[in-house]
């Protein structure tokens, strides 16, 4: 279960695609409702994911200093990030089909034992 945080990545990409730009705090607020697992997503996993996505060129960020209050980092999806989201979509579609097939076969096997 240690690699479940990896499934934070496609959710972050999708949220940035939908929002255009967003702050980490705002993403954290919506992350759980779009999560791909029932596991609680820790805020640290979100920020690790954002840093990794930025290091890989999928997300860009900048400090926003206008307005009152402290500076906040705002994130946006890059063109490469858009392509990465498309790749994740294909992978997750395949995983979804495989899982559905597994559940169908498991139910048949369980029904046969009854």
PDB file of N, CA and C in Angstrom:
ATOM      1  N   UNK A   1       0.810  -1.196   0.000  1.00  0.00           N
ATOM      2  CA  UNK A   1       0.000   0.000   0.000  1.00  0.00           C
ATOM      3  C   UNK A   1       0.860   1.269   0.000  1.00  0.00           C
ATOM      4  N   UNK A   2       2.149   1.144   0.159  1.00  0.00           N
ATOM      5  CA  UNK A   2       3.015   2.298   0.253  1.00  0.00           C
ATOM      6  C   UNK A   2       3.036   3.174  -0.980  1.00  0.00           C
ATOM      7  N   UNK A   3       2.722   2.633  -2.148  1.00  0.00           N
ATOM      8  CA  UNK A   3       2.771   3.423  -3.371  1.00  0.00           C
ATOM      9  C   UNK A   3       1.420   4.007  -3.758  1.00  0.00           C
ATOM     10  N   UNK A   4       0.442   3.947  -2.873  1.00  0.00           N
ATOM     11  CA  UNK A   4      -0.852   4.527  -3.187  1.00  0.00           C
ATOM     12  C   UNK A   4      -0.761   6.026  -3.426  1.00  0.00           C
ATOM     13  N   UNK A   5       0.223   6.691  -2.807  1.00  0.00           N
ATOM     14  CA  UNK A   5       0.368   8.126  -3.023  1.00  0.00           C
ATOM     15  C   UNK A   5       0.607   8.431  -4.503  1.00  0.00           C
ATOM     16  N   UNK A   6       1.085   7.450  -5.249  1.00  0.00           N
ATOM     17  CA  UNK A   6       1.313   7.640  -6.678  1.00  0.00           C
ATOM     18  C   UNK A   6       0.019   7.992  -7.397  1.00  0.00           C
ATOM     19  N   UNK A   7      -1.103   7.523  -6.867  1.00  0.00           N
ATOM     20  CA  UNK A   7      -2.387   7.823  -7.477  1.00  0.00           C
ATOM     21  C   UNK A   7      -2.874   9.237  -7.157  1.00  0.00           C
ATOM     22  N   UNK A   8      -2.079  10.003  -6.424  1.00  0.00           N
ATOM     23  CA  UNK A   8      -2.376  11.420  -6.211  1.00  0.00           C
ATOM     24  C   UNK A   8      -2.061  12.185  -7.501  1.00  0.00           C
ATOM     25  N   UNK A   9      -1.055  11.730  -8.214  1.00  0.00           N
ATOM     26  CA  UNK A   9      -0.574  12.434  -9.411  1.00  0.00           C
ATOM     27  C   UNK A   9      -1.659  12.686 -10.458  1.00  0.00           C
ATOM     28  N   UNK A  10      -2.380  11.658 -10.902  1.00  0.00           N
ATOM     29  CA  UNK A  10      -3.383  11.947 -11.933  1.00  0.00           C
ATOM     30  C   UNK A  10      -4.494  12.859 -11.438  1.00  0.00           C
ATOM     31  N   UNK A  11      -4.805  12.792 -10.159  1.00  0.00           N
ATOM     32  CA  UNK A  11      -5.849  13.660  -9.612  1.00  0.00           C
ATOM     33  C   UNK A  11      -5.374  15.112  -9.623  1.00  0.00           C
ATOM     34  N   UNK A  12      -4.140  15.352  -9.234  1.00  0.00           N
ATOM     35  CA  UNK A  12      -3.579  16.705  -9.263  1.00  0.00           C
ATOM     36  C   UNK A  12      -3.560  17.232 -10.693  1.00  0.00           C
ATOM     37  N   UNK A  13      -3.136  16.410 -11.627  1.00  0.00           N
ATOM     38  CA  UNK A  13      -3.120  16.827 -13.031  1.00  0.00           C
ATOM     39  C   UNK A  13      -4.523  17.198 -13.506  1.00  0.00           C
ATOM     40  N   UNK A  14      -5.502  16.369 -13.180  1.00  0.00           N
ATOM     41  CA  UNK A  14      -6.885  16.644 -13.587  1.00  0.00           C
ATOM     42  C   UNK A  14      -7.396  17.942 -12.965  1.00  0.00           C
ATOM     43  N   UNK A  15      -7.156  18.124 -11.675  1.00  0.00           N
ATOM     44  CA  UNK A  15      -7.628  19.347 -11.017  1.00  0.00           C
ATOM     45  C   UNK A  15      -7.003  20.591 -11.631  1.00  0.00           C
ATOM     46  N   UNK A  16      -5.705  20.529 -11.943  1.00  0.00           N
ATOM     47  CA  UNK A  16      -5.053  21.675 -12.576  1.00  0.00           C
ATOM     48  C   UNK A  16      -5.586  21.901 -13.987  1.00  0.00           C
ATOM     49  N   UNK A  17      -5.895  20.845 -14.692  1.00  0.00           N
ATOM     50  CA  UNK A  17      -6.484  20.969 -16.031  1.00  0.00           C
ATOM     51  C   UNK A  17      -7.842  21.675 -15.933  1.00  0.00           C
ATOM     52  N   UNK A  18      -8.637  21.291 -14.959  1.00  0.00           N
ATOM     53  CA  UNK A  18      -9.967  21.865 -14.801  1.00  0.00           C
ATOM     54  C   UNK A  18      -9.924  23.302 -14.293  1.00  0.00           C
ATOM     55  N   UNK A  19      -9.001  23.603 -13.382  1.00  0.00           N
ATOM     56  CA  UNK A  19      -8.949  24.912 -12.755  1.00  0.00           C
ATOM     57  C   UNK A  19      -8.114  25.932 -13.530  1.00  0.00           C
ATOM     58  N   UNK A  20      -7.152  25.457 -14.292  1.00  0.00           N
ATOM     59  CA  UNK A  20      -6.236  26.371 -14.961  1.00  0.00           C
ATOM     60  C   UNK A  20      -5.045  26.695 -14.073  1.00  0.00           C
ATOM     61  N   UNK A  21      -5.302  27.336 -12.956  1.00  0.00           N
ATOM     62  CA  UNK A  21      -4.264  27.666 -11.961  1.00  0.00           C
ATOM     63  C   UNK A  21      -4.856  27.424 -10.589  1.00  0.00           C
ATOM     64  N   UNK A  22      -3.995  27.040  -9.654  1.00  0.00           N
ATOM     65  CA  UNK A  22      -4.506  26.813  -8.309  1.00  0.00           C
ATOM     66  C   UNK A  22      -3.372  26.827  -7.302  1.00  0.00           C
ATOM     67  N   UNK A  23      -3.743  27.074  -6.064  1.00  0.00           N
ATOM     68  CA  UNK A  23      -2.816  27.022  -4.942  1.00  0.00           C
ATOM     69  C   UNK A  23      -2.857  25.633  -4.329  1.00  0.00           C
ATOM     70  N   UNK A  24      -1.785  25.243  -3.692  1.00  0.00           N
ATOM     71  CA  UNK A  24      -1.740  23.946  -3.031  1.00  0.00           C
ATOM     72  C   UNK A  24      -2.865  23.770  -2.032  1.00  0.00           C
ATOM     73  N   UNK A  25      -3.157  24.828  -1.283  1.00  0.00           N
ATOM     74  CA  UNK A  25      -4.215  24.762  -0.280  1.00  0.00           C
ATOM     75  C   UNK A  25      -5.568  24.455  -0.933  1.00  0.00           C
ATOM     76  N   UNK A  26      -5.853  25.101  -2.050  1.00  0.00           N
ATOM     77  CA  UNK A  26      -7.107  24.857  -2.763  1.00  0.00           C
ATOM     78  C   UNK A  26      -7.161  23.436  -3.324  1.00  0.00           C
ATOM     79  N   UNK A  27      -6.037  22.967  -3.860  1.00  0.00           N
ATOM     80  CA  UNK A  27      -5.982  21.599  -4.375  1.00  0.00           C
ATOM     81  C   UNK A  27      -6.227  20.600  -3.254  1.00  0.00           C
ATOM     82  N   UNK A  28      -5.641  20.851  -2.101  1.00  0.00           N
ATOM     83  CA  UNK A  28      -5.808  19.950  -0.951  1.00  0.00           C
ATOM     84  C   UNK A  28      -7.276  19.838  -0.562  1.00  0.00           C
ATOM     85  N   UNK A  29      -8.009  20.930  -0.695  1.00  0.00           N
ATOM     86  CA  UNK A  29      -9.419  20.930  -0.337  1.00  0.00           C
ATOM     87  C   UNK A  29     -10.272  20.057  -1.234  1.00  0.00           C
ATOM     88  N   UNK A  30      -9.858  19.881  -2.475  1.00  0.00           N
ATOM     89  CA  UNK A  30     -10.644  19.099  -3.436  1.00  0.00           C
ATOM     90  C   UNK A  30     -10.066  17.715  -3.704  1.00  0.00           C
ATOM     91  N   UNK A  31      -8.875  17.481  -3.256  1.00  0.00           N
ATOM     92  CA  UNK A  31      -8.162  16.252  -3.579  1.00  0.00           C
ATOM     93  C   UNK A  31      -8.911  15.001  -3.154  1.00  0.00           C
ATOM     94  N   UNK A  32      -9.414  14.984  -1.934  1.00  0.00           N
ATOM     95  CA  UNK A  32     -10.045  13.777  -1.408  1.00  0.00           C
ATOM     96  C   UNK A  32     -11.313  13.410  -2.170  1.00  0.00           C
ATOM     97  N   UNK A  33     -12.070  14.401  -2.611  1.00  0.00           N
ATOM     98  CA  UNK A  33     -13.316  14.079  -3.317  1.00  0.00           C
ATOM     99  C   UNK A  33     -13.079  13.524  -4.719  1.00  0.00           C
ATOM    100  N   UNK A  34     -11.869  13.675  -5.242  1.00  0.00           N
ATOM    101  CA  UNK A  34     -11.520  13.118  -6.550  1.00  0.00           C
ATOM    102  C   UNK A  34     -10.577  11.924  -6.441  1.00  0.00           C
ATOM    103  N   UNK A  35     -10.262  11.514  -5.221  1.00  0.00           N
ATOM    104  CA  UNK A  35      -9.259  10.478  -4.983  1.00  0.00           C
ATOM    105  C   UNK A  35      -9.627   9.158  -5.658  1.00  0.00           C
ATOM    106  N   UNK A  36      -8.612   8.424  -6.067  1.00  0.00           N
ATOM    107  CA  UNK A  36      -8.795   7.135  -6.733  1.00  0.00           C
ATOM    108  C   UNK A  36      -8.797   5.968  -5.762  1.00  0.00           C
ATOM    109  N   UNK A  37      -8.530   6.242  -4.498  1.00  0.00           N
ATOM    110  CA  UNK A  37      -8.552   5.204  -3.465  1.00  0.00           C
ATOM    111  C   UNK A  37      -9.330   5.739  -2.268  1.00  0.00           C
ATOM    112  N   UNK A  38      -9.662   4.852  -1.352  1.00  0.00           N
ATOM    113  CA  UNK A  38     -10.334   5.268  -0.123  1.00  0.00           C
ATOM    114  C   UNK A  38      -9.350   5.744   0.930  1.00  0.00           C
ATOM    115  N   UNK A  39      -8.072   5.562   0.668  1.00  0.00           N
ATOM    116  CA  UNK A  39      -7.049   5.965   1.637  1.00  0.00           C
ATOM    117  C   UNK A  39      -7.038   7.483   1.785  1.00  0.00           C
ATOM    118  N   UNK A  40      -6.821   7.936   2.997  1.00  0.00           N
ATOM    119  CA  UNK A  40      -6.718   9.367   3.264  1.00  0.00           C
ATOM    120  C   UNK A  40      -5.461   9.904   2.580  1.00  0.00           C
ATOM    121  N   UNK A  41      -5.594  10.987   1.847  1.00  0.00           N
ATOM    122  CA  UNK A  41      -4.451  11.584   1.162  1.00  0.00           C
ATOM    123  C   UNK A  41      -3.877  12.671   2.060  1.00  0.00           C
ATOM    124  N   UNK A  42      -2.656  12.468   2.472  1.00  0.00           N
ATOM    125  CA  UNK A  42      -2.006  13.428   3.345  1.00  0.00           C
ATOM    126  C   UNK A  42      -1.553  14.642   2.549  1.00  0.00           C
ATOM    127  N   UNK A  43      -1.603  15.782   3.198  1.00  0.00           N
ATOM    128  CA  UNK A  43      -1.184  17.031   2.551  1.00  0.00           C
ATOM    129  C   UNK A  43       0.274  16.948   2.093  1.00  0.00           C
ATOM    130  N   UNK A  44       1.101  16.261   2.865  1.00  0.00           N
ATOM    131  CA  UNK A  44       2.507  16.112   2.486  1.00  0.00           C
ATOM    132  C   UNK A  44       2.635  15.379   1.153  1.00  0.00           C
ATOM    133  N   UNK A  45       1.768  14.393   0.911  1.00  0.00           N
ATOM    134  CA  UNK A  45       1.804  13.656  -0.358  1.00  0.00           C
ATOM    135  C   UNK A  45       1.447  14.578  -1.517  1.00  0.00           C
ATOM    136  N   UNK A  46       0.518  15.487  -1.290  1.00  0.00           N
ATOM    137  CA  UNK A  46       0.157  16.456  -2.331  1.00  0.00           C
ATOM    138  C   UNK A  46       1.356  17.317  -2.692  1.00  0.00           C
ATOM    139  N   UNK A  47       2.022  17.872  -1.695  1.00  0.00           N
ATOM    140  CA  UNK A  47       3.145  18.766  -1.974  1.00  0.00           C
ATOM    141  C   UNK A  47       4.342  18.022  -2.551  1.00  0.00           C
ATOM    142  N   UNK A  48       4.573  16.784  -2.115  1.00  0.00           N
ATOM    143  CA  UNK A  48       5.632  15.965  -2.746  1.00  0.00           C
ATOM    144  C   UNK A  48       5.305  15.740  -4.215  1.00  0.00           C
ATOM    145  N   UNK A  49       4.048  15.445  -4.484  1.00  0.00           N
ATOM    146  CA  UNK A  49       3.615  15.195  -5.863  1.00  0.00           C
ATOM    147  C   UNK A  49       3.769  16.452  -6.704  1.00  0.00           C
ATOM    148  N   UNK A  50       3.367  17.596  -6.186  1.00  0.00           N
ATOM    149  CA  UNK A  50       3.524  18.854  -6.930  1.00  0.00           C
ATOM    150  C   UNK A  50       4.987  19.139  -7.234  1.00  0.00           C
ATOM    151  N   UNK A  51       5.857  18.917  -6.250  1.00  0.00           N
ATOM    152  CA  UNK A  51       7.302  19.145  -6.482  1.00  0.00           C
ATOM    153  C   UNK A  51       7.834  18.209  -7.558  1.00  0.00           C
ATOM    154  N   UNK A  52       7.426  16.930  -7.495  1.00  0.00           N
ATOM    155  CA  UNK A  52       7.899  15.960  -8.480  1.00  0.00           C
ATOM    156  C   UNK A  52       7.363  16.295  -9.875  1.00  0.00           C
ATOM    157  N   UNK A  53       6.100  16.654  -9.953  1.00  0.00           N
ATOM    158  CA  UNK A  53       5.514  17.042 -11.238  1.00  0.00           C
ATOM    159  C   UNK A  53       6.237  18.261 -11.818  1.00  0.00           C
ATOM    160  N   UNK A  54       6.601  19.189 -10.953  1.00  0.00           N
ATOM    161  CA  UNK A  54       7.320  20.378 -11.416  1.00  0.00           C
ATOM    162  C   UNK A  54       8.734  20.018 -11.874  1.00  0.00           C
ATOM    163  N   UNK A  55       9.414  19.163 -11.118  1.00  0.00           N
ATOM    164  CA  UNK A  55      10.768  18.737 -11.512  1.00  0.00           C
ATOM    165  C   UNK A  55      10.749  18.032 -12.862  1.00  0.00           C
ATOM    166  N   UNK A  56       9.654  17.320 -13.166  1.00  0.00           N
ATOM    167  CA  UNK A  56       9.538  16.584 -14.432  1.00  0.00           C
ATOM    168  C   UNK A  56       8.957  17.428 -15.560  1.00  0.00           C
ATOM    169  N   UNK A  57       8.648  18.673 -15.296  1.00  0.00           N
ATOM    170  CA  UNK A  57       8.164  19.569 -16.341  1.00  0.00           C
ATOM    171  C   UNK A  57       6.675  19.475 -16.618  1.00  0.00           C
ATOM    172  N   UNK A  58       5.927  18.797 -15.764  1.00  0.00           N
ATOM    173  CA  UNK A  58       4.490  18.644 -15.983  1.00  0.00           C
ATOM    174  C   UNK A  58       3.668  19.766 -15.355  1.00  0.00           C
ATOM    175  N   UNK A  59       4.253  20.446 -14.400  1.00  0.00           N
ATOM    176  CA  UNK A  59       3.606  21.537 -13.685  1.00  0.00           C
ATOM    177  C   UNK A  59       4.617  22.667 -13.565  1.00  0.00           C
ATOM    178  N   UNK A  60       4.125  23.892 -13.654  1.00  0.00           N
ATOM    179  CA  UNK A  60       4.966  25.061 -13.405  1.00  0.00           C
ATOM    180  C   UNK A  60       4.342  25.839 -12.251  1.00  0.00           C
ATOM    181  N   UNK A  61       5.176  26.536 -11.499  1.00  0.00           N
ATOM    182  CA  UNK A  61       4.651  27.327 -10.393  1.00  0.00           C
ATOM    183  C   UNK A  61       5.364  28.659 -10.331  1.00  0.00           C
ATOM    184  N   UNK A  62       4.703  29.584  -9.660  1.00  0.00           N
ATOM    185  CA  UNK A  62       5.304  30.890  -9.421  1.00  0.00           C
ATOM    186  C   UNK A  62       4.709  31.452  -8.137  1.00  0.00           C
ATOM    187  N   UNK A  63       5.446  32.346  -7.546  1.00  0.00           N
ATOM    188  CA  UNK A  63       4.959  32.987  -6.329  1.00  0.00           C
ATOM    189  C   UNK A  63       4.047  34.132  -6.712  1.00  0.00           C
ATOM    190  N   UNK A  64       2.905  34.164  -6.089  1.00  0.00           N
ATOM    191  CA  UNK A  64       1.957  35.263  -6.298  1.00  0.00           C
ATOM    192  C   UNK A  64       2.051  36.159  -5.068  1.00  0.00           C
ATOM    193  N   UNK A  65       2.421  37.403  -5.299  1.00  0.00           N
ATOM    194  CA  UNK A  65       2.652  38.309  -4.174  1.00  0.00           C
ATOM    195  C   UNK A  65       1.676  39.480  -4.160  1.00  0.00           C
ATOM    196  N   UNK A  66       0.815  39.590  -5.146  1.00  0.00           N
ATOM    197  CA  UNK A  66      -0.134  40.701  -5.153  1.00  0.00           C
ATOM    198  C   UNK A  66      -1.245  40.455  -4.139  1.00  0.00           C
ATOM    199  N   UNK A  67      -1.851  41.509  -3.685  1.00  0.00           N
ATOM    200  CA  UNK A  67      -2.913  41.374  -2.696  1.00  0.00           C
ATOM    201  C   UNK A  67      -2.351  41.376  -1.293  1.00  0.00           C
ATOM    202  N   UNK A  68      -3.258  41.321  -0.342  1.00  0.00           N
ATOM    203  CA  UNK A  68      -2.825  41.315   1.052  1.00  0.00           C
ATOM    204  C   UNK A  68      -2.491  39.889   1.479  1.00  0.00           C
ATOM    205  N   UNK A  69      -1.760  39.768   2.520  1.00  0.00           N
ATOM    206  CA  UNK A  69      -1.400  38.454   3.027  1.00  0.00           C
ATOM    207  C   UNK A  69      -0.067  37.983   2.482  1.00  0.00           C
ATOM    208  N   UNK A  70       0.344  36.820   2.938  1.00  0.00           N
ATOM    209  CA  UNK A  70       1.646  36.289   2.515  1.00  0.00           C
ATOM    210  C   UNK A  70       1.634  35.831   1.055  1.00  0.00           C
ATOM    211  N   UNK A  71       2.825  35.735   0.494  1.00  0.00           N
ATOM    212  CA  UNK A  71       2.966  35.221  -0.879  1.00  0.00           C
ATOM    213  C   UNK A  71       2.499  33.770  -0.917  1.00  0.00           C
ATOM    214  N   UNK A  72       1.878  33.398  -2.022  1.00  0.00           N
ATOM    215  CA  UNK A  72       1.412  32.011  -2.192  1.00  0.00           C
ATOM    216  C   UNK A  72       1.913  31.483  -3.527  1.00  0.00           C
ATOM    217  N   UNK A  73       2.242  30.200  -3.531  1.00  0.00           N
ATOM    218  CA  UNK A  73       2.698  29.549  -4.757  1.00  0.00           C
ATOM    219  C   UNK A  73       1.468  29.098  -5.535  1.00  0.00           C
ATOM    220  N   UNK A  74       1.421  29.480  -6.812  1.00  0.00           N
ATOM    221  CA  UNK A  74       0.308  29.098  -7.669  1.00  0.00           C
ATOM    222  C   UNK A  74       0.848  28.143  -8.738  1.00  0.00           C
ATOM    223  N   UNK A  75       0.099  27.078  -8.981  1.00  0.00           N
ATOM    224  CA  UNK A  75       0.527  26.017  -9.891  1.00  0.00           C
ATOM    225  C   UNK A  75      -0.344  26.022 -11.137  1.00  0.00           C
ATOM    226  N   UNK A  76       0.255  25.609 -12.249  1.00  0.00           N
ATOM    227  CA  UNK A  76      -0.500  25.428 -13.495  1.00  0.00           C
ATOM    228  C   UNK A  76       0.077  24.237 -14.240  1.00  0.00           C
ATOM    229  N   UNK A  77      -0.763  23.634 -15.064  1.00  0.00           N
ATOM    230  CA  UNK A  77      -0.369  22.495 -15.883  1.00  0.00           C
ATOM    231  C   UNK A  77       0.391  23.001 -17.106  1.00  0.00           C
ATOM    232  N   UNK A  78       1.458  22.346 -17.474  1.00  0.00           N
ATOM    233  CA  UNK A  78       2.197  22.681 -18.695  1.00  0.00           C
ATOM    234  C   UNK A  78       1.664  21.836 -19.863  1.00  0.00           C
ATOM    235  N   UNK A  79       2.123  22.111 -21.059  1.00  0.00           N
ATOM    236  CA  UNK A  79       1.734  21.271 -22.217  1.00  0.00           C
ATOM    237  C   UNK A  79       2.158  19.823 -21.991  1.00  0.00           C
ATOM    238  N   UNK A  80       3.357  19.661 -21.456  1.00  0.00           N
ATOM    239  CA  UNK A  80       3.843  18.307 -21.153  1.00  0.00           C
ATOM    240  C   UNK A  80       2.949  17.661 -20.098  1.00  0.00           C
ATOM    241  N   UNK A  81       2.498  18.429 -19.126  1.00  0.00           N
ATOM    242  CA  UNK A  81       1.590  17.924 -18.101  1.00  0.00           C
ATOM    243  C   UNK A  81       0.258  17.504 -18.697  1.00  0.00           C
ATOM    244  N   UNK A  82      -0.194  18.237 -19.693  1.00  0.00           N
ATOM    245  CA  UNK A  82      -1.424  17.888 -20.403  1.00  0.00           C
ATOM    246  C   UNK A  82      -1.267  16.518 -21.079  1.00  0.00           C
ATOM    247  N   UNK A  83      -0.121  16.299 -21.702  1.00  0.00           N
ATOM    248  CA  UNK A  83       0.154  14.994 -22.330  1.00  0.00           C
ATOM    249  C   UNK A  83       0.271  13.897 -21.276  1.00  0.00           C
ATOM    250  N   UNK A  84       0.876  14.239 -20.135  1.00  0.00           N
ATOM    251  CA  UNK A  84       1.030  13.267 -19.047  1.00  0.00           C
ATOM    252  C   UNK A  84      -0.342  12.870 -18.494  1.00  0.00           C
ATOM    253  N   UNK A  85      -1.262  13.819 -18.410  1.00  0.00           N
ATOM    254  CA  UNK A  85      -2.628  13.507 -17.985  1.00  0.00           C
ATOM    255  C   UNK A  85      -3.285  12.558 -18.981  1.00  0.00           C
ATOM    256  N   UNK A  86      -3.065  12.768 -20.273  1.00  0.00           N
ATOM    257  CA  UNK A  86      -3.615  11.865 -21.291  1.00  0.00           C
ATOM    258  C   UNK A  86      -3.040  10.454 -21.124  1.00  0.00           C
ATOM    259  N   UNK A  87      -1.742  10.354 -20.823  1.00  0.00           N
ATOM    260  CA  UNK A  87      -1.125   9.043 -20.581  1.00  0.00           C
ATOM    261  C   UNK A  87      -1.754   8.367 -19.364  1.00  0.00           C
ATOM    262  N   UNK A  88      -1.915   9.124 -18.277  1.00  0.00           N
ATOM    263  CA  UNK A  88      -2.541   8.577 -17.069  1.00  0.00           C
ATOM    264  C   UNK A  88      -3.958   8.092 -17.377  1.00  0.00           C
ATOM    265  N   UNK A  89      -4.671   8.847 -18.190  1.00  0.00           N
ATOM    266  CA  UNK A  89      -6.041   8.471 -18.536  1.00  0.00           C
ATOM    267  C   UNK A  89      -6.058   7.122 -19.237  1.00  0.00           C
ATOM    268  N   UNK A  90      -5.148   6.907 -20.157  1.00  0.00           N
ATOM    269  CA  UNK A  90      -5.055   5.617 -20.853  1.00  0.00           C
ATOM    270  C   UNK A  90      -4.697   4.491 -19.895  1.00  0.00           C
ATOM    271  N   UNK A  91      -3.717   4.734 -19.042  1.00  0.00           N
ATOM    272  CA  UNK A  91      -3.295   3.717 -18.075  1.00  0.00           C
ATOM    273  C   UNK A  91      -4.440   3.362 -17.133  1.00  0.00           C
ATOM    274  N   UNK A  92      -5.115   4.368 -16.598  1.00  0.00           N
ATOM    275  CA  UNK A  92      -6.197   4.113 -15.649  1.00  0.00           C
ATOM    276  C   UNK A  92      -7.395   3.455 -16.315  1.00  0.00           C
ATOM    277  N   UNK A  93      -7.623   3.765 -17.581  1.00  0.00           N
ATOM    278  CA  UNK A  93      -8.688   3.088 -18.320  1.00  0.00           C
ATOM    279  C   UNK A  93      -8.381   1.598 -18.427  1.00  0.00           C
ATOM    280  N   UNK A  94      -7.142   1.266 -18.739  1.00  0.00           N
ATOM    281  CA  UNK A  94      -6.718  -0.134 -18.826  1.00  0.00           C
ATOM    282  C   UNK A  94      -6.832  -0.830 -17.464  1.00  0.00           C
ATOM    283  N   UNK A  95      -6.372  -0.158 -16.413  1.00  0.00           N
ATOM    284  CA  UNK A  95      -6.449  -0.724 -15.064  1.00  0.00           C
ATOM    285  C   UNK A  95      -7.910  -0.956 -14.675  1.00  0.00           C
ATOM    286  N   UNK A  96      -8.751  -0.002 -15.001  1.00  0.00           N
ATOM    287  CA  UNK A  96     -10.174  -0.119 -14.679  1.00  0.00           C
ATOM    288  C   UNK A  96     -10.800  -1.336 -15.353  1.00  0.00           C
ATOM    289  N   UNK A  97     -10.488  -1.534 -16.611  1.00  0.00           N
ATOM    290  CA  UNK A  97     -11.014  -2.696 -17.343  1.00  0.00           C
ATOM    291  C   UNK A  97     -10.476  -4.002 -16.759  1.00  0.00           C
ATOM    292  N   UNK A  98      -9.201  -4.014 -16.413  1.00  0.00           N
ATOM    293  CA  UNK A  98      -8.602  -5.212 -15.819  1.00  0.00           C
ATOM    294  C   UNK A  98      -9.234  -5.525 -14.473  1.00  0.00           C
ATOM    295  N   UNK A  99      -9.468  -4.512 -13.670  1.00  0.00           N
ATOM    296  CA  UNK A  99     -10.081  -4.730 -12.362  1.00  0.00           C
ATOM    297  C   UNK A  99     -11.521  -5.219 -12.506  1.00  0.00           C
ATOM    298  N   UNK A 100     -12.250  -4.672 -13.446  1.00  0.00           N
ATOM    299  CA  UNK A 100     -13.625  -5.132 -13.679  1.00  0.00           C
ATOM    300  C   UNK A 100     -13.647  -6.594 -14.100  1.00  0.00           C
ATOM    301  N   UNK A 101     -12.706  -6.965 -14.959  1.00  0.00           N
ATOM    302  CA  UNK A 101     -12.603  -8.362 -15.399  1.00  0.00           C
ATOM    303  C   UNK A 101     -12.288  -9.267 -14.212  1.00  0.00           C
ATOM    304  N   UNK A 102     -11.374  -8.846 -13.358  1.00  0.00           N
ATOM    305  CA  UNK A 102     -11.014  -9.620 -12.179  1.00  0.00           C
ATOM    306  C   UNK A 102     -12.219  -9.810 -11.257  1.00  0.00           C
ATOM    307  N   UNK A 103     -12.936  -8.745 -10.992  1.00  0.00           N
ATOM    308  CA  UNK A 103     -14.098  -8.818 -10.096  1.00  0.00           C
ATOM    309  C   UNK A 103     -15.154  -9.747 -10.676  1.00  0.00           C
ATOM    310  N   UNK A 104     -15.393  -9.656 -11.958  1.00  0.00           N
ATOM    311  CA  UNK A 104     -16.355 -10.556 -12.625  1.00  0.00           C
ATOM    312  C   UNK A 104     -15.950 -12.010 -12.450  1.00  0.00           C
ATOM    313  N   UNK A 105     -14.682 -12.319 -12.711  1.00  0.00           N
ATOM    314  CA  UNK A 105     -14.191 -13.691 -12.587  1.00  0.00           C
ATOM    315  C   UNK A 105     -14.220 -14.171 -11.141  1.00  0.00           C
ATOM    316  N   UNK A 106     -13.886 -13.298 -10.209  1.00  0.00           N
ATOM    317  CA  UNK A 106     -13.913 -13.677  -8.796  1.00  0.00           C
ATOM    318  C   UNK A 106     -15.337 -13.982  -8.349  1.00  0.00           C
ATOM    319  N   UNK A 107     -16.286 -13.191  -8.785  1.00  0.00           N
ATOM    320  CA  UNK A 107     -17.685 -13.433  -8.412  1.00  0.00           C
ATOM    321  C   UNK A 107     -18.185 -14.756  -8.979  1.00  0.00           C
ATOM    322  N   UNK A 108     -17.816 -15.065 -10.211  1.00  0.00           N
ATOM    323  CA  UNK A 108     -18.207 -16.337 -10.814  1.00  0.00           C
ATOM    324  C   UNK A 108     -17.625 -17.488 -10.018  1.00  0.00           C
ATOM    325  N   UNK A 109     -16.347 -17.366  -9.656  1.00  0.00           N
ATOM    326  CA  UNK A 109     -15.700 -18.415  -8.868  1.00  0.00           C
ATOM    327  C   UNK A 109     -16.326 -18.563  -7.490  1.00  0.00           C
ATOM    328  N   UNK A 110     -16.649 -17.481  -6.858  1.00  0.00           N
ATOM    329  CA  UNK A 110     -17.276 -17.528  -5.541  1.00  0.00           C
ATOM    330  C   UNK A 110     -18.682 -18.099  -5.612  1.00  0.00           C
ATOM    331  N   UNK A 111     -19.428 -17.740  -6.643  1.00  0.00           N
ATOM    332  CA  UNK A 111     -20.786 -18.284  -6.817  1.00  0.00           C
ATOM    333  C   UNK A 111     -20.746 -19.782  -7.083  1.00  0.00           C
ATOM    334  N   UNK A 112     -19.724 -20.250  -7.798  1.00  0.00           N
ATOM    335  CA  UNK A 112     -19.605 -21.670  -8.139  1.00  0.00           C
ATOM    336  C   UNK A 112     -19.361 -22.512  -6.883  1.00  0.00           C
ATOM    337  N   UNK A 113     -18.719 -21.937  -5.878  1.00  0.00           N
ATOM    338  CA  UNK A 113     -18.432 -22.665  -4.622  1.00  0.00           C
ATOM    339  C   UNK A 113     -19.671 -22.765  -3.746  1.00  0.00           C
ATOM    340  N   UNK A 114     -20.611 -21.875  -3.906  1.00  0.00           N
ATOM    341  CA  UNK A 114     -21.801 -21.846  -3.025  1.00  0.00           C
ATOM    342  C   UNK A 114     -22.755 -22.958  -3.301  1.00  0.00           C
TER     343      UNK A 114
END
